[in-house]
Amino acid sequence: MKDENIVKATCRELGITQKELGDMLDVPQPTVARWANGDIPKMAKMALQLMTENRNLKTKLDTIRKARDLINTL
């Protein structure tokens, strides 16, 4: 099975549209659509990987903070 395209995966994980992704990266939506079809530059791919990684790290940090706060109430 083919891996999901990084553009589609990033949009799904962040809960955004390709247009919103384009706005975030300051590129036109047709460019993002081209990337979604597999024609993605290396720098764009790296940016999408970093966006996803950043979101995951923020989620983990939020979980740690909530756990800390819970422990402090005990």
C-alpha atoms as a PDB file:
ATOM      1  CA  MET A   1       0.000   0.000   0.000  1.00  0.00           C
ATOM      2  CA  LYS A   2       1.260   3.463  -0.914  1.00  0.00           C
ATOM      3  CA  ASP A   3       2.083   5.838   1.953  1.00  0.00           C
ATOM      4  CA  GLU A   4      -0.258   8.789   2.367  1.00  0.00           C
ATOM      5  CA  ASN A   5       1.013  11.961   0.717  1.00  0.00           C
ATOM      6  CA  ILE A   6       2.635  14.270   3.286  1.00  0.00           C
ATOM      7  CA  VAL A   7       0.430  17.214   2.243  1.00  0.00           C
ATOM      8  CA  LYS A   8      -2.745  15.232   2.791  1.00  0.00           C
ATOM      9  CA  ALA A   9      -1.406  13.742   6.023  1.00  0.00           C
ATOM     10  CA  THR A  10      -0.404  17.170   7.360  1.00  0.00           C
ATOM     11  CA  CYS A  11      -3.808  18.672   6.526  1.00  0.00           C
ATOM     12  CA  ARG A  12      -5.594  15.731   8.127  1.00  0.00           C
ATOM     13  CA  GLU A  13      -3.452  15.809  11.269  1.00  0.00           C
ATOM     14  CA  LEU A  14      -3.723  19.579  11.701  1.00  0.00           C
ATOM     15  CA  GLY A  15      -7.406  19.597  10.789  1.00  0.00           C
ATOM     16  CA  ILE A  16      -6.952  22.168   8.024  1.00  0.00           C
ATOM     17  CA  THR A  17      -7.659  22.450   4.303  1.00  0.00           C
ATOM     18  CA  GLN A  18      -5.051  22.685   1.589  1.00  0.00           C
ATOM     19  CA  LYS A  19      -5.989  26.354   1.186  1.00  0.00           C
ATOM     20  CA  GLU A  20      -5.387  26.967   4.897  1.00  0.00           C
ATOM     21  CA  LEU A  21      -2.062  25.141   4.631  1.00  0.00           C
ATOM     22  CA  GLY A  22      -1.129  27.356   1.698  1.00  0.00           C
ATOM     23  CA  ASP A  23      -2.042  30.436   3.719  1.00  0.00           C
ATOM     24  CA  MET A  24       0.125  29.227   6.606  1.00  0.00           C
ATOM     25  CA  LEU A  25       3.075  28.657   4.262  1.00  0.00           C
ATOM     26  CA  ASP A  26       2.364  31.772   2.168  1.00  0.00           C
ATOM     27  CA  VAL A  27       1.987  29.801  -1.067  1.00  0.00           C
ATOM     28  CA  PRO A  28      -1.021  29.683  -3.417  1.00  0.00           C
ATOM     29  CA  GLN A  29      -3.505  26.824  -3.058  1.00  0.00           C
ATOM     30  CA  PRO A  30      -2.729  25.517  -6.586  1.00  0.00           C
ATOM     31  CA  THR A  31       0.884  25.043  -5.479  1.00  0.00           C
ATOM     32  CA  VAL A  32      -0.257  23.036  -2.461  1.00  0.00           C
ATOM     33  CA  ALA A  33      -2.539  20.996  -4.743  1.00  0.00           C
ATOM     34  CA  ARG A  34       0.450  20.236  -6.988  1.00  0.00           C
ATOM     35  CA  TRP A  35       2.402  19.116  -3.922  1.00  0.00           C
ATOM     36  CA  ALA A  36      -0.515  16.887  -2.927  1.00  0.00           C
ATOM     37  CA  ASN A  37      -0.192  15.180  -6.301  1.00  0.00           C
ATOM     38  CA  GLY A  38       3.406  14.252  -5.527  1.00  0.00           C
ATOM     39  CA  ASP A  39       5.384  17.145  -7.011  1.00  0.00           C
ATOM     40  CA  ILE A  40       6.725  18.496  -3.721  1.00  0.00           C
ATOM     41  CA  PRO A  41      10.055  20.282  -3.261  1.00  0.00           C
ATOM     42  CA  LYS A  42      12.397  19.035  -0.568  1.00  0.00           C
ATOM     43  CA  MET A  43      12.136  22.258   1.478  1.00  0.00           C
ATOM     44  CA  ALA A  44       8.324  22.127   1.430  1.00  0.00           C
ATOM     45  CA  LYS A  45       8.407  18.509   2.555  1.00  0.00           C
ATOM     46  CA  MET A  46      10.723  19.456   5.419  1.00  0.00           C
ATOM     47  CA  ALA A  47       8.418  22.342   6.413  1.00  0.00           C
ATOM     48  CA  LEU A  48       5.418  19.994   6.524  1.00  0.00           C
ATOM     49  CA  GLN A  49       7.347  17.453   8.581  1.00  0.00           C
ATOM     50  CA  LEU A  50       8.338  20.192  11.025  1.00  0.00           C
ATOM     51  CA  MET A  51       4.740  21.449  11.277  1.00  0.00           C
ATOM     52  CA  THR A  52       3.548  17.964  12.166  1.00  0.00           C
ATOM     53  CA  GLU A  53       6.402  17.370  14.597  1.00  0.00           C
ATOM     54  CA  ASN A  54       5.765  20.736  16.266  1.00  0.00           C
ATOM     55  CA  ARG A  55       2.089  19.910  16.746  1.00  0.00           C
ATOM     56  CA  ASN A  56       2.936  16.514  18.226  1.00  0.00           C
ATOM     57  CA  LEU A  57       5.456  18.035  20.636  1.00  0.00           C
ATOM     58  CA  LYS A  58       2.963  20.706  21.722  1.00  0.00           C
ATOM     59  CA  THR A  59       0.395  17.991  22.404  1.00  0.00           C
ATOM     60  CA  LYS A  60       2.876  16.013  24.505  1.00  0.00           C
ATOM     61  CA  LEU A  61       3.917  19.136  26.409  1.00  0.00           C
ATOM     62  CA  ASP A  62       0.277  19.938  27.139  1.00  0.00           C
ATOM     63  CA  THR A  63      -0.243  16.405  28.465  1.00  0.00           C
ATOM     64  CA  ILE A  64       2.828  16.723  30.700  1.00  0.00           C
ATOM     65  CA  ARG A  65       1.604  20.069  32.038  1.00  0.00           C
ATOM     66  CA  LYS A  66      -1.818  18.611  32.835  1.00  0.00           C
ATOM     67  CA  ALA A  67      -0.200  15.675  34.611  1.00  0.00           C
ATOM     68  CA  ARG A  68       2.003  18.049  36.611  1.00  0.00           C
ATOM     69  CA  ASP A  69      -1.002  20.136  37.585  1.00  0.00           C
ATOM     70  CA  LEU A  70      -2.891  17.009  38.631  1.00  0.00           C
ATOM     71  CA  ILE A  71       0.047  15.824  40.743  1.00  0.00           C
ATOM     72  CA  ASN A  72       0.302  19.245  42.382  1.00  0.00           C
ATOM     73  CA  THR A  73      -3.328  19.004  43.507  1.00  0.00           C
ATOM     74  CA  LEU A  74      -2.682  15.770  45.384  1.00  0.00           C
END
